[in-house]
Protein backbone atom coordinates (compact mmCIF):
# COMPACT_ATOMS: atom_id res chain seq x y z
CA UNK A 1 124.67 94.85 145.78
CA UNK A 2 126.40 93.23 142.80
CA UNK A 3 127.93 96.55 141.78
CA UNK A 4 130.17 96.38 144.88
CA UNK A 5 132.00 93.41 143.35
CA UNK A 6 131.93 94.52 139.73
CA UNK A 7 134.76 96.49 138.13
CA UNK A 8 135.76 97.58 134.64
CA UNK A 9 138.89 96.60 132.75
CA UNK A 10 139.92 99.99 131.43
CA UNK A 11 143.63 100.05 132.15
CA UNK A 12 144.58 102.84 129.75
CA UNK A 13 147.03 105.34 131.20
CA UNK A 14 146.00 108.81 132.31
CA UNK A 15 148.15 110.25 129.50
CA UNK A 16 146.45 108.18 126.79
CA UNK A 17 144.39 111.02 125.26
CA UNK A 18 147.26 113.51 125.39
CA UNK A 19 149.64 111.03 123.77
CA UNK A 20 147.08 110.36 121.01
CA UNK A 21 146.65 114.08 120.25
CA UNK A 22 150.39 114.70 120.20
CA UNK A 23 150.95 111.72 117.92
CA UNK A 24 148.53 113.15 115.34
CA UNK A 25 150.27 116.54 115.53
CA UNK A 26 153.64 114.93 114.98
CA UNK A 27 152.27 113.01 111.98
CA UNK A 28 151.22 116.30 110.39
CA UNK A 29 154.64 117.91 111.00
CA UNK A 30 156.52 114.85 109.77
CA UNK A 31 154.42 114.55 106.60
CA UNK A 32 155.14 118.16 105.61
CA UNK A 33 158.88 117.79 106.22
CA UNK A 34 158.88 114.45 104.42
CA UNK A 35 157.68 116.06 101.20
CA UNK A 36 160.25 118.86 101.48
CA UNK A 37 163.21 116.53 102.09
CA UNK A 38 162.33 114.02 99.36
CA UNK A 39 161.93 116.82 96.81
CA UNK A 40 165.11 118.58 97.94
CA UNK A 41 167.17 115.39 98.10
CA UNK A 42 166.11 114.46 94.57
CA UNK A 43 166.85 117.88 93.11
CA UNK A 44 170.08 118.46 95.04
CA UNK A 45 171.50 114.96 94.65
CA UNK A 46 172.09 114.20 98.34
CA UNK A 47 171.77 110.56 99.38
CA UNK A 48 171.83 111.48 103.08
CA UNK A 49 169.05 114.03 102.56
CA UNK A 50 167.01 111.73 100.31
CA UNK A 51 167.40 108.85 102.76
CA UNK A 52 166.23 111.15 105.54
CA UNK A 53 163.16 112.11 103.50
CA UNK A 54 162.15 108.53 102.68
CA UNK A 55 162.97 107.64 106.25
CA UNK A 56 160.44 110.25 107.34
CA UNK A 57 157.93 108.90 104.81
CA UNK A 58 158.06 105.45 106.34
CA UNK A 59 157.81 107.03 109.79
CA UNK A 60 154.57 108.73 108.79
CA UNK A 61 153.15 105.26 108.16
CA UNK A 62 154.58 103.92 111.40
CA UNK A 63 153.27 106.89 113.38
CA UNK A 64 149.91 106.21 111.74
CA UNK A 65 150.03 102.74 113.31
CA UNK A 66 150.61 104.34 116.71
CA UNK A 67 147.76 106.82 116.23
CA UNK A 68 145.40 104.05 115.09
CA UNK A 69 146.33 101.94 118.11
CA UNK A 70 145.56 104.84 120.46
CA UNK A 71 142.21 105.50 118.80
CA UNK A 72 141.20 101.84 118.70
CA UNK A 73 142.13 101.24 122.34
CA UNK A 74 140.17 104.32 123.42
CA UNK A 75 137.06 103.50 121.41
CA UNK A 76 136.92 99.88 122.57
CA UNK A 77 138.03 100.42 126.16
CA UNK A 78 134.61 99.33 127.47
CA UNK A 79 134.14 96.42 125.06
CA UNK A 80 133.59 93.24 127.07
CA UNK A 81 135.01 91.11 124.25
CA UNK A 82 138.46 92.14 125.52
CA UNK A 83 138.78 90.19 128.75
CA UNK A 84 141.39 92.47 130.28
CA UNK A 85 140.81 95.68 128.35
CA UNK A 86 142.52 97.15 125.30
CA UNK A 87 145.80 98.37 126.76
CA UNK A 88 147.79 95.78 124.80
CA UNK A 89 146.52 97.27 121.53
CA UNK A 90 149.07 100.02 122.15
CA UNK A 91 151.78 97.45 122.86
CA UNK A 92 150.90 95.70 119.59
CA UNK A 93 151.14 99.07 117.83
CA UNK A 94 154.58 99.58 119.35
CA UNK A 95 155.70 96.14 118.19
CA UNK A 96 154.44 96.79 114.64
CA UNK A 97 156.16 100.18 114.51
CA UNK A 98 159.39 98.60 115.71
CA UNK A 99 159.27 96.12 112.83
CA UNK A 100 158.78 99.03 110.41
CA UNK A 101 161.72 100.80 112.04
CA UNK A 102 163.90 97.74 111.38
CA UNK A 103 162.83 97.66 107.72
CA UNK A 104 163.67 101.35 107.42
CA UNK A 105 167.18 100.67 108.72
CA UNK A 106 167.64 97.90 106.15
CA UNK A 107 166.45 100.13 103.28
CA UNK A 108 168.74 103.00 104.28
CA UNK A 109 171.70 100.61 104.47
CA UNK A 110 170.88 99.14 101.05
CA UNK A 111 170.57 102.54 99.39
CA UNK A 112 173.75 103.81 101.06
CA UNK A 113 175.78 100.87 99.77
CA UNK A 114 174.48 101.64 96.28
CA UNK A 115 175.66 105.23 96.58
CA UNK A 116 179.19 104.07 97.41
CA UNK A 117 179.27 102.50 93.94
CA UNK A 118 177.57 105.39 92.15
CA UNK A 119 178.10 108.71 93.99
CA UNK A 120 176.04 111.70 92.88
CA UNK A 121 176.88 115.39 92.57
CA UNK A 122 175.46 117.26 95.58
CA UNK A 123 174.35 120.90 95.98
CA UNK A 124 175.79 121.17 99.51
CA UNK A 125 174.52 124.59 100.60
CA UNK A 126 170.85 123.98 99.86
CA UNK A 127 171.03 120.37 101.10
CA UNK A 128 172.50 121.47 104.46
CA UNK A 129 169.75 124.07 104.88
CA UNK A 130 166.98 121.53 104.25
CA UNK A 131 168.61 118.98 106.57
CA UNK A 132 168.84 121.61 109.33
CA UNK A 133 165.15 122.49 108.97
CA UNK A 134 164.35 118.77 109.15
CA UNK A 135 166.35 118.47 112.36
CA UNK A 136 164.42 121.35 113.96
CA UNK A 137 161.10 119.75 113.01
CA UNK A 138 162.21 116.40 114.42
CA UNK A 139 163.35 117.92 117.71
CA UNK A 140 160.03 119.73 118.08
CA UNK A 141 158.20 116.45 117.38
CA UNK A 142 160.31 114.56 119.93
CA UNK A 143 159.64 117.27 122.53
CA UNK A 144 155.89 117.04 121.90
CA UNK A 145 155.84 113.27 122.34
CA UNK A 146 157.96 113.44 125.49
CA UNK A 147 155.87 116.24 127.07
CA UNK A 148 153.78 114.02 129.41
CA UNK A 149 156.94 112.91 131.19
CA UNK A 150 158.49 116.30 131.72
CA UNK A 151 161.84 115.49 130.13
CA UNK A 152 162.78 117.73 127.23
CA UNK A 153 166.43 116.86 126.75
CA UNK A 154 168.33 116.51 123.51
CA UNK A 155 167.09 113.91 121.07
CA UNK A 156 169.74 111.25 121.54
CA UNK A 157 169.79 111.54 125.34
CA UNK A 158 166.00 111.72 125.41
CA UNK A 159 165.69 108.50 123.43
CA UNK A 160 167.86 106.68 125.94
CA UNK A 161 166.04 108.09 128.97
CA UNK A 162 162.65 107.43 127.38
CA UNK A 163 163.63 103.80 126.79
CA UNK A 164 164.93 103.41 130.34
CA UNK A 165 161.71 104.79 131.83
CA UNK A 166 159.66 102.37 129.77
CA UNK A 167 161.85 99.42 130.76
CA UNK A 168 161.80 100.31 134.44
CA UNK A 169 158.05 100.67 134.54
CA UNK A 170 157.81 104.45 134.41
CA UNK A 171 154.86 104.34 132.04
CA UNK A 172 155.05 101.10 129.96
CA UNK A 173 153.59 102.92 126.95
CA UNK A 174 155.34 101.00 124.20
CA UNK A 175 153.19 102.70 121.59
CA UNK A 176 154.41 106.14 122.69
CA UNK A 177 157.94 104.83 122.94
CA UNK A 178 157.70 103.59 119.34
CA UNK A 179 156.42 106.94 118.09
CA UNK A 180 159.13 108.74 120.05
CA UNK A 181 161.90 106.52 118.68
CA UNK A 182 160.66 107.08 115.14
CA UNK A 183 161.01 110.86 115.39
CA UNK A 184 164.32 110.57 117.27
CA UNK A 185 165.56 108.30 114.48
CA UNK A 186 164.54 111.05 112.06
CA UNK A 187 166.49 113.57 114.12
CA UNK A 188 169.51 111.27 114.11
CA UNK A 189 169.48 110.90 110.32
CA UNK A 190 169.18 114.69 110.01
CA UNK A 191 172.26 115.16 112.23
CA UNK A 192 174.20 112.58 110.23
CA UNK A 193 173.08 114.19 106.97
CA UNK A 194 174.34 117.59 108.15
CA UNK A 195 177.67 116.04 109.20
CA UNK A 196 178.04 114.24 105.87
CA UNK A 197 177.14 117.29 103.82
CA UNK A 198 179.44 119.52 105.86
CA UNK A 199 182.48 117.28 105.43
CA UNK A 200 181.62 116.84 101.77
CA UNK A 201 181.50 120.59 101.19
CA UNK A 202 184.57 121.65 103.18
CA UNK A 203 186.80 118.56 102.96
CA UNK A 204 185.63 117.00 99.74
CA UNK A 205 184.72 113.74 101.47
CA UNK A 206 181.84 112.72 99.22
CA UNK A 207 181.99 109.20 100.64
CA UNK A 208 180.81 110.55 104.01
CA UNK A 209 177.28 110.90 102.58
CA UNK A 210 176.61 107.15 102.17
CA UNK A 211 178.78 106.32 105.19
CA UNK A 212 176.54 108.37 107.47
CA UNK A 213 173.59 106.52 105.97
CA UNK A 214 175.15 103.23 107.10
CA UNK A 215 175.90 104.58 110.58
CA UNK A 216 172.33 105.80 110.97
CA UNK A 217 170.98 102.46 109.76
CA UNK A 218 173.00 100.61 112.39
CA UNK A 219 171.80 102.81 115.25
CA UNK A 220 168.18 102.67 114.11
CA UNK A 221 168.37 98.86 113.80
CA UNK A 222 169.59 98.67 117.40
CA UNK A 223 166.66 100.79 118.63
CA UNK A 224 164.28 98.64 116.60
CA UNK A 225 165.60 95.45 118.17
CA UNK A 226 165.20 96.84 121.70
CA UNK A 227 161.61 97.88 121.11
CA UNK A 228 160.68 94.58 119.43
CA UNK A 229 162.18 92.69 122.37
CA UNK A 230 160.45 94.72 125.08
CA UNK A 231 157.02 94.89 123.43
CA UNK A 232 157.11 91.19 122.53
CA UNK A 233 157.72 90.32 126.17
CA UNK A 234 154.58 92.22 127.15
CA UNK A 235 152.49 90.64 124.38
CA UNK A 236 153.65 87.17 125.46
CA UNK A 237 153.11 87.95 129.18
CA UNK A 238 156.80 87.64 129.93
CA UNK A 239 157.83 91.12 131.07
CA UNK A 240 157.18 90.73 134.83
CA UNK A 241 160.39 90.24 136.78
CA UNK A 242 160.82 86.74 138.31
CA UNK A 243 161.82 88.40 141.59
CA UNK A 244 158.34 89.91 141.90
CA UNK A 245 156.67 86.53 141.47
CA UNK A 246 158.97 85.12 144.14
CA UNK A 247 158.03 87.90 146.56
CA UNK A 248 154.34 87.14 146.06
CA UNK A 249 155.04 83.45 146.57
CA UNK A 250 156.93 84.06 149.81
CA UNK A 251 154.12 86.22 151.19
CA UNK A 252 151.63 83.36 150.93
CA UNK A 253 153.96 80.46 151.71
CA UNK A 254 155.31 82.33 154.73
CA UNK A 255 152.02 81.72 156.58
CA UNK A 256 150.85 78.37 157.97
CA UNK A 257 151.70 75.44 155.68
CA UNK A 258 150.51 77.11 152.48
CA UNK A 259 152.16 75.95 149.30
CA UNK A 260 151.62 77.56 145.89
CA UNK A 261 151.33 74.97 143.13
CA UNK A 262 150.50 77.36 140.29
CA UNK A 263 151.22 81.07 139.89
CA UNK A 264 150.48 83.29 136.87
CA UNK A 265 151.45 86.97 136.88
CA UNK A 266 151.08 89.28 133.87
CA UNK A 267 150.64 92.92 132.94
CA UNK A 268 147.29 94.38 131.79
CA UNK A 269 148.06 98.10 132.11
CA UNK A 270 150.94 100.56 132.54
CA UNK A 271 151.10 99.85 136.27
CA UNK A 272 148.47 97.12 136.69
CA UNK A 273 149.18 93.43 137.07
CA UNK A 274 146.88 90.41 137.27
CA UNK A 275 147.64 87.29 139.28
CA UNK A 276 146.14 83.81 139.48
CA UNK A 277 147.24 81.71 142.45
CA UNK A 278 146.44 78.06 143.11
CA UNK A 279 147.54 76.85 146.55
CA UNK A 280 147.19 73.86 148.85
CA UNK A 281 147.07 73.93 152.64
CA UNK A 282 145.95 71.87 155.62
CA UNK A 283 144.07 74.85 157.01
CA UNK A 284 142.06 76.43 154.18
CA UNK A 285 140.85 79.97 154.76
CA UNK A 286 138.60 82.21 152.62
CA UNK A 287 140.28 83.64 149.49
CA UNK A 288 140.07 87.12 151.02
CA UNK A 289 142.64 86.07 153.62
CA UNK A 290 145.21 85.27 150.95
CA UNK A 291 144.40 88.43 149.00
CA UNK A 292 145.18 90.44 152.12
CA UNK A 293 148.58 88.74 152.30
CA UNK A 294 149.36 90.18 148.87
CA UNK A 295 148.25 93.74 149.61
CA UNK A 296 150.89 96.47 149.52
CA UNK A 297 153.39 94.56 147.39
CA UNK A 298 152.28 95.87 143.99
CA UNK A 299 149.18 97.24 142.30
CA UNK A 300 147.23 94.06 141.58
CA UNK A 301 144.12 94.93 139.58
CA UNK A 302 142.74 91.43 139.23
CA UNK A 303 143.44 88.71 141.82
CA UNK A 304 142.12 85.16 141.58
CA UNK A 305 142.83 82.71 144.42
CA UNK A 306 142.10 78.99 144.30
CA UNK A 307 142.37 77.24 147.69
CA UNK A 308 142.66 73.46 147.91
CA UNK A 309 142.78 71.30 151.03
CA UNK A 310 145.98 69.28 151.23
CA UNK A 311 145.44 65.62 152.20
CA UNK A 312 148.05 63.46 153.93
CA UNK A 313 151.41 64.82 154.96
CA UNK A 314 152.17 68.47 155.59
CA UNK A 315 152.23 70.35 152.28
CA UNK A 316 155.15 72.57 153.22
CA UNK A 317 157.38 73.18 156.17
CA UNK A 318 156.16 76.24 158.13
CA UNK A 319 158.49 79.20 157.62
């Protein structure tokens, strides 16, 4: 009969395996394009193109973090050493990738400033061709990573929508969001490289090459900050809205003279939350009664209720 009460703690999303496969495919595509752009940028003298290539190189490493996180979470999903499963391994991967993304932005900015002082001669025609090919590869990679969610818009719009879905609870896959932002950042630098090379060729604005590097660095840094902030909140159990905790509190305190003295609510999966409630009341009832009061509000995967008898005066005014 014990199996009736037992449950596992595998809170990985249904798209976990698909996201892992697509991440590995994107790593392969990005690695090939990385080699092409670094070689072309060096030979053709384009800072925008070279920055894009090294940018892609660092993204290969960051995407490797995402792929490793997916694999580790999957392999250890049933390991009892992880009290609430391995879902947060992906969140940790997203946080780590976001830090790498911030470092990439800093490196691009540093190199771009150097090119303002010492501009190089650029072979515009060949550089534009390579940058365009890089953009196509990046857009394909972004489409592959966004496939599970059925939104295949343009890169910049897709990055915003992808971030909004994650923030609003659409999938809470910070690891996938990190991988997606890395390839969208690549696409952005490719677009900026094409713009810089085009104005340099037709208008003679050589300074646009390092300027676009600085613009790209600023945008990438902003994306990095947002991902660090959101993933850190999950890792520190601070991403659940206070309004939700208040709704749970009102459900229990709205009956009899129940009063919650301790409430902990945190996320353990894309859509799964755990809650620990300690309450006092003059009329204690079995924990199942209080669990039923919480049903239907949200998907609570793990509920712990501690009921204490309240001595003396009424614990709370009946509502």
